[in-house]
Structures are given as structure tokens and as C-alpha cells.
Protein backbone atom coordinates (compact mmCIF):
# COMPACT_ATOMS: atom_id res chain seq x y z
CA MET A 1 0.00 0.00 0.00
CA VAL A 2 1.29 3.43 -0.96
CA PRO A 3 1.93 5.63 2.08
CA THR A 4 -0.04 8.85 2.14
CA LEU A 5 1.08 12.33 3.14
CA PRO A 6 -1.08 15.41 3.49
CA GLY A 7 -0.85 17.84 0.63
CA ARG A 8 -2.74 19.83 -1.97
CA ALA A 9 -2.25 17.05 -4.50
CA GLY A 10 -4.36 14.72 -2.40
CA THR A 11 -3.37 12.02 0.03
CA ALA A 12 -2.94 9.30 -2.57
CA HIS A 13 -0.66 11.37 -4.86
CA ALA A 14 1.37 13.33 -2.30
CA PRO A 15 4.64 11.38 -2.90
CA TYR A 16 4.42 12.11 -6.60
CA ALA A 17 3.76 15.82 -5.94
CA ARG A 18 6.84 15.97 -3.72
CA ALA A 19 8.90 14.29 -6.44
CA ARG A 20 7.68 16.80 -9.03
CA GLY A 21 8.57 19.67 -6.70
CA ILE A 22 12.11 18.35 -6.21
CA ASP A 23 12.47 17.89 -9.97
CA GLN A 24 11.37 21.50 -10.62
CA LEU A 25 13.92 22.80 -8.12
CA ARG A 26 16.62 20.73 -9.81
CA ARG A 27 15.71 22.16 -13.24
CA ARG A 28 15.77 25.75 -11.94
CA HIS A 29 19.17 25.16 -10.39
CA THR A 30 20.47 23.66 -13.63
CA ARG A 31 19.22 26.63 -15.64
CA SER A 32 21.10 28.99 -13.35
CA LEU A 33 24.33 27.21 -14.27
CA ILE A 34 23.82 27.56 -18.04
CA PRO A 35 26.13 30.19 -19.57
CA PRO A 36 24.42 33.36 -20.90
CA THR A 37 23.29 33.28 -24.50
CA ALA A 38 24.87 35.35 -27.27
CA ALA A 39 21.87 37.70 -27.17
CA ALA A 40 22.33 38.26 -23.45
CA LEU A 41 26.04 38.94 -23.89
CA SER A 42 25.30 41.36 -26.70
CA CYS A 43 22.86 43.22 -24.44
CA LEU A 44 25.51 43.45 -21.73
CA ARG A 45 28.07 44.79 -24.22
CA ARG A 46 25.64 47.46 -25.41
CA LYS A 47 24.96 48.52 -21.82
CA LYS A 48 28.69 48.70 -21.08
CA GLU A 49 29.27 50.79 -24.20
CA ALA A 50 26.49 53.18 -23.26
CA ASP A 51 27.75 53.51 -19.70
CA GLY A 52 31.46 53.87 -20.35
CA HIS A 53 32.34 54.22 -23.99
CA GLY A 54 29.47 56.08 -25.61
CA LYS A 55 26.51 55.17 -27.77
CA ARG A 56 26.87 54.50 -31.47
CA HIS A 57 23.88 54.65 -33.83
CA THR A 58 23.76 53.53 -37.44
CA SER A 59 20.06 53.90 -38.34
CA ARG A 60 19.64 56.51 -41.06
CA ARG A 61 17.32 59.50 -40.91
CA GLN A 62 17.02 62.85 -42.63
CA SER A 63 18.89 65.74 -41.06
CA THR A 64 17.18 68.97 -40.03
CA ASP A 65 18.20 72.10 -41.93
CA PHE A 66 19.06 75.23 -39.95
CA THR A 67 20.89 78.56 -40.13
CA LEU A 68 23.12 79.85 -37.31
CA LEU A 69 25.81 82.50 -36.96
CA SER A 70 29.45 81.45 -37.15
CA GLN A 71 32.36 82.83 -35.12
CA SER A 72 32.79 85.53 -37.78
CA GLY A 73 29.17 86.64 -37.41
CA ALA A 74 28.20 85.32 -40.85
CA PRO A 75 25.06 83.17 -41.20
CA VAL A 76 25.71 79.53 -42.10
CA ARG A 77 23.02 77.27 -43.52
CA LEU A 78 23.62 73.53 -43.15
CA TYR A 79 22.15 72.49 -46.51
CA ASP A 80 24.30 75.04 -48.34
CA ARG A 81 27.39 73.40 -46.87
CA LEU A 82 26.12 69.96 -47.92
CA ASP A 83 26.29 71.13 -51.54
CA ASP A 84 30.07 71.01 -51.16
CA GLY A 85 30.37 67.65 -49.40
CA VAL A 86 29.81 65.63 -46.25
CA VAL A 87 29.38 67.55 -42.98
CA VAL A 88 30.65 66.34 -39.62
CA LEU A 89 28.38 68.22 -37.22
CA TYR A 90 29.46 67.96 -33.62
CA PHE A 91 27.63 69.38 -30.61
CA TYR A 92 29.68 70.11 -27.51
CA PRO A 93 28.92 71.60 -24.08
CA LYS A 94 31.03 74.76 -23.77
CA ASP A 95 34.05 76.64 -25.08
CA GLU A 96 37.31 76.47 -23.11
CA THR A 97 36.35 73.52 -20.90
CA ARG A 98 38.93 70.75 -20.80
CA GLY A 99 36.96 68.09 -22.69
CA CYS A 100 35.64 70.50 -25.29
CA THR A 101 39.07 71.99 -25.90
CA ALA A 102 40.57 68.51 -26.31
CA GLU A 103 37.84 67.57 -28.79
CA ALA A 104 38.20 70.78 -30.79
CA CYS A 105 41.98 70.36 -30.98
CA ALA A 106 41.56 66.72 -32.08
CA PHE A 107 39.28 67.85 -34.92
CA ARG A 108 41.81 70.60 -35.69
CA ASP A 109 44.69 68.14 -35.90
CA SER A 110 42.68 65.91 -38.27
CA HIS A 111 41.20 68.79 -40.26
CA GLU A 112 43.29 68.24 -43.35
CA VAL A 113 42.43 64.54 -43.38
CA PHE A 114 38.71 65.33 -43.19
CA THR A 115 39.08 67.88 -45.97
CA ASP A 116 40.95 65.43 -48.20
CA ALA A 117 38.14 62.92 -47.64
CA GLY A 118 35.57 65.49 -48.79
CA ALA A 119 34.12 66.50 -45.42
CA GLU A 120 33.69 69.74 -43.50
CA VAL A 121 33.77 69.88 -39.69
CA ILE A 122 31.29 72.18 -37.95
CA GLY A 123 31.06 72.60 -34.18
CA VAL A 124 27.94 73.79 -32.36
CA SER A 125 27.39 74.99 -28.80
CA SER A 126 25.28 77.57 -27.00
CA ASP A 127 28.24 79.95 -26.60
CA SER A 128 27.97 83.39 -28.19
CA VAL A 129 29.59 84.42 -31.46
CA HIS A 130 32.12 86.45 -29.48
CA LYS A 131 33.13 83.49 -27.30
CA HIS A 132 33.39 81.25 -30.36
CA ALA A 133 35.69 83.78 -32.04
CA ALA A 134 37.99 83.90 -29.00
CA PHE A 135 37.97 80.09 -28.68
CA ALA A 136 38.82 79.57 -32.36
CA THR A 137 41.60 82.16 -32.27
CA ARG A 138 43.19 80.86 -29.09
CA HIS A 139 43.38 77.26 -30.33
CA ASN A 140 43.90 77.94 -34.06
CA LEU A 141 40.71 76.17 -35.07
CA PRO A 142 40.41 76.08 -38.87
CA PHE A 143 36.75 75.04 -38.97
CA THR A 144 33.38 76.70 -38.39
CA LEU A 145 31.86 77.13 -34.93
CA LEU A 146 28.15 77.95 -34.76
CA SER A 147 26.31 79.75 -31.98
CA ASP A 148 23.09 78.02 -30.89
CA GLU A 149 22.34 80.35 -27.99
CA GLU A 150 18.67 79.40 -27.74
CA GLY A 151 19.50 75.68 -27.93
CA GLN A 152 16.89 75.10 -30.64
CA VAL A 153 19.15 73.23 -33.07
CA ARG A 154 20.46 71.06 -30.25
CA LYS A 155 16.85 70.24 -29.39
CA ASP A 156 15.93 69.57 -33.04
CA TYR A 157 18.75 67.03 -33.28
CA GLY A 158 17.78 65.35 -30.02
CA VAL A 159 21.09 65.99 -28.27
CA PRO A 160 20.53 64.86 -24.68
CA SER A 161 21.70 66.53 -21.50
CA VAL A 162 23.67 64.70 -18.84
CA LEU A 163 21.76 64.65 -15.54
CA GLY A 164 19.47 67.21 -17.13
CA ILE A 165 22.14 69.89 -16.60
CA ILE A 166 25.24 69.41 -18.74
CA PRO A 167 24.70 69.78 -22.51
CA GLY A 168 25.58 66.53 -24.26
CA ARG A 169 28.43 65.80 -26.65
CA VAL A 170 27.15 64.19 -29.85
CA THR A 171 28.66 63.93 -33.34
CA TYR A 172 26.63 63.47 -36.53
CA VAL A 173 27.99 62.59 -39.97
CA ILE A 174 25.64 63.87 -42.68
CA ASP A 175 26.06 62.94 -46.33
CA ARG A 176 25.44 65.22 -49.31
CA GLN A 177 21.81 64.08 -49.58
CA GLY A 178 21.18 65.30 -46.03
CA THR A 179 21.00 61.81 -44.56
CA VAL A 180 22.46 61.22 -41.10
CA ARG A 181 24.84 58.32 -41.61
CA HIS A 182 26.38 58.14 -38.16
CA VAL A 183 25.69 59.34 -34.60
CA PHE A 184 28.08 59.00 -31.68
CA ASN A 185 27.14 60.11 -28.17
CA SER A 186 29.72 60.30 -25.39
CA LEU A 187 30.55 63.08 -22.97
CA THR A 188 34.00 61.76 -22.08
CA ASN A 189 35.39 59.79 -25.03
CA THR A 190 36.38 62.78 -27.18
CA ASP A 191 38.93 60.96 -29.36
CA LYS A 192 36.33 58.45 -30.50
CA HIS A 193 34.12 61.26 -31.80
CA VAL A 194 36.90 62.18 -34.22
CA ASN A 195 38.10 58.69 -35.12
CA ASP A 196 34.65 57.19 -35.73
CA ALA A 197 33.53 60.20 -37.76
CA LEU A 198 36.61 59.96 -39.96
CA ASP A 199 36.01 56.25 -40.60
CA VAL A 200 32.44 56.96 -41.69
CA VAL A 201 33.52 59.88 -43.91
CA ARG A 202 36.05 57.64 -45.64
CA ASN A 203 33.39 54.96 -46.20
CA ILE A 204 31.02 57.52 -47.72
CA SER A 205 33.83 58.83 -49.94
CA ALA A 206 34.54 55.30 -51.14
CA GLU A 207 30.85 54.76 -51.96
CA ASP A 208 30.49 57.98 -53.93
CA PRO A 209 33.86 59.42 -54.93
CA VAL A 210 33.71 62.99 -56.20
């Protein structure tokens, strides 16, 4: 005769219910020992990149046209510049801060390479025309700086703020058709803004040599 134990499964089937419970615990424990899948690892890598190394986007969308004043006080329209080639449009927090100065000088040092690849570098921040002029002169910047004092263009391009306070640092590569081909978002990894943008510019140049 089968011994009976009290339980929700009924007195006659209690031993089998206990066996099923033990088996379920064993399966859960086994699953916890299974290595993470490739999809899970990919998710972890993306999170790590976003947290420490910046976010990279490759989905294409149409850029937003705008006109802003440069450091010389002259109006600059984005789509007019696209008539001459690819535009590397980079948004940065503020003139003369350490990270922004390092980024500007990195673009300066690679300016000739960008030009040879058919691209123009344009920097944008909320600093005034006067501050841009002083910044460009002090660091011998050979490219255009635009004054977005109202922050409207930054908003149109969806440039995020860090902690809702610090303006973000985002670089866009825009081809001659006005399509955004590359977006890189990182407040701290300034060198990667330059290096990644240059790689994309070279790829675009190879696709459609002028």
C-alpha cells in the first residue's frame, strides 16, 4: 500500500507531488548554471558601451536644416554646406572647458584629413559668437563654430543633456543628400568622436567618390 502524506495534490498522490517539486527545483538550479546566450552577452556589451564608452547609432534619418551664426558673425546654412560635401556636425557643451578643448583640438589636428576625404567639420554649442571667435583664435581652429544660444538646433537634433544639466556631446555625420549616416554620443570619449567620424567619412567617400 502506498503511504499517504497530506498535501494539496491529495493524500494518494502526495509522494508524486513531492517528487515533481524536487524535480522542478533541480531544473531551476540547472538553468542557473547555463552560460548566458549570445543575445544576453550582446545586451551586456551594449549597456557597457552606453555607460562607459558612448553610444553608437547607425540607423539613417534625414537631417534637419538650420541657419546659425558662425564665429565671424556670418550666417551659415547647413544644406548650403552639404552642396560642397559631407558635414561632420558635432555638438559640444562649452568653449574652453577641458573636454571641449581637447575635442576641438583633435578635430583641428585631423582637419586636413577630413578635408581630403571630402568633409567639412562644424562645431555647435550655446556659446555666443564672441566666445566662439575667442575660442577659435586661441586654439587655431580652422573650422566653423556655430552659436546656438537658444539651444533650438540642439533640441531639433535630439542631443541629450547629462543629468538634465550638462549639454551633451554628440557627433553626426551627414552625407550630401542630407542623410544622417552616423551618430556618436559620449561626454568623455572625445577621441572616438573624431576617429569614428573619420572612418564613416572615408566609407562615404569610397561609396560615392567625387
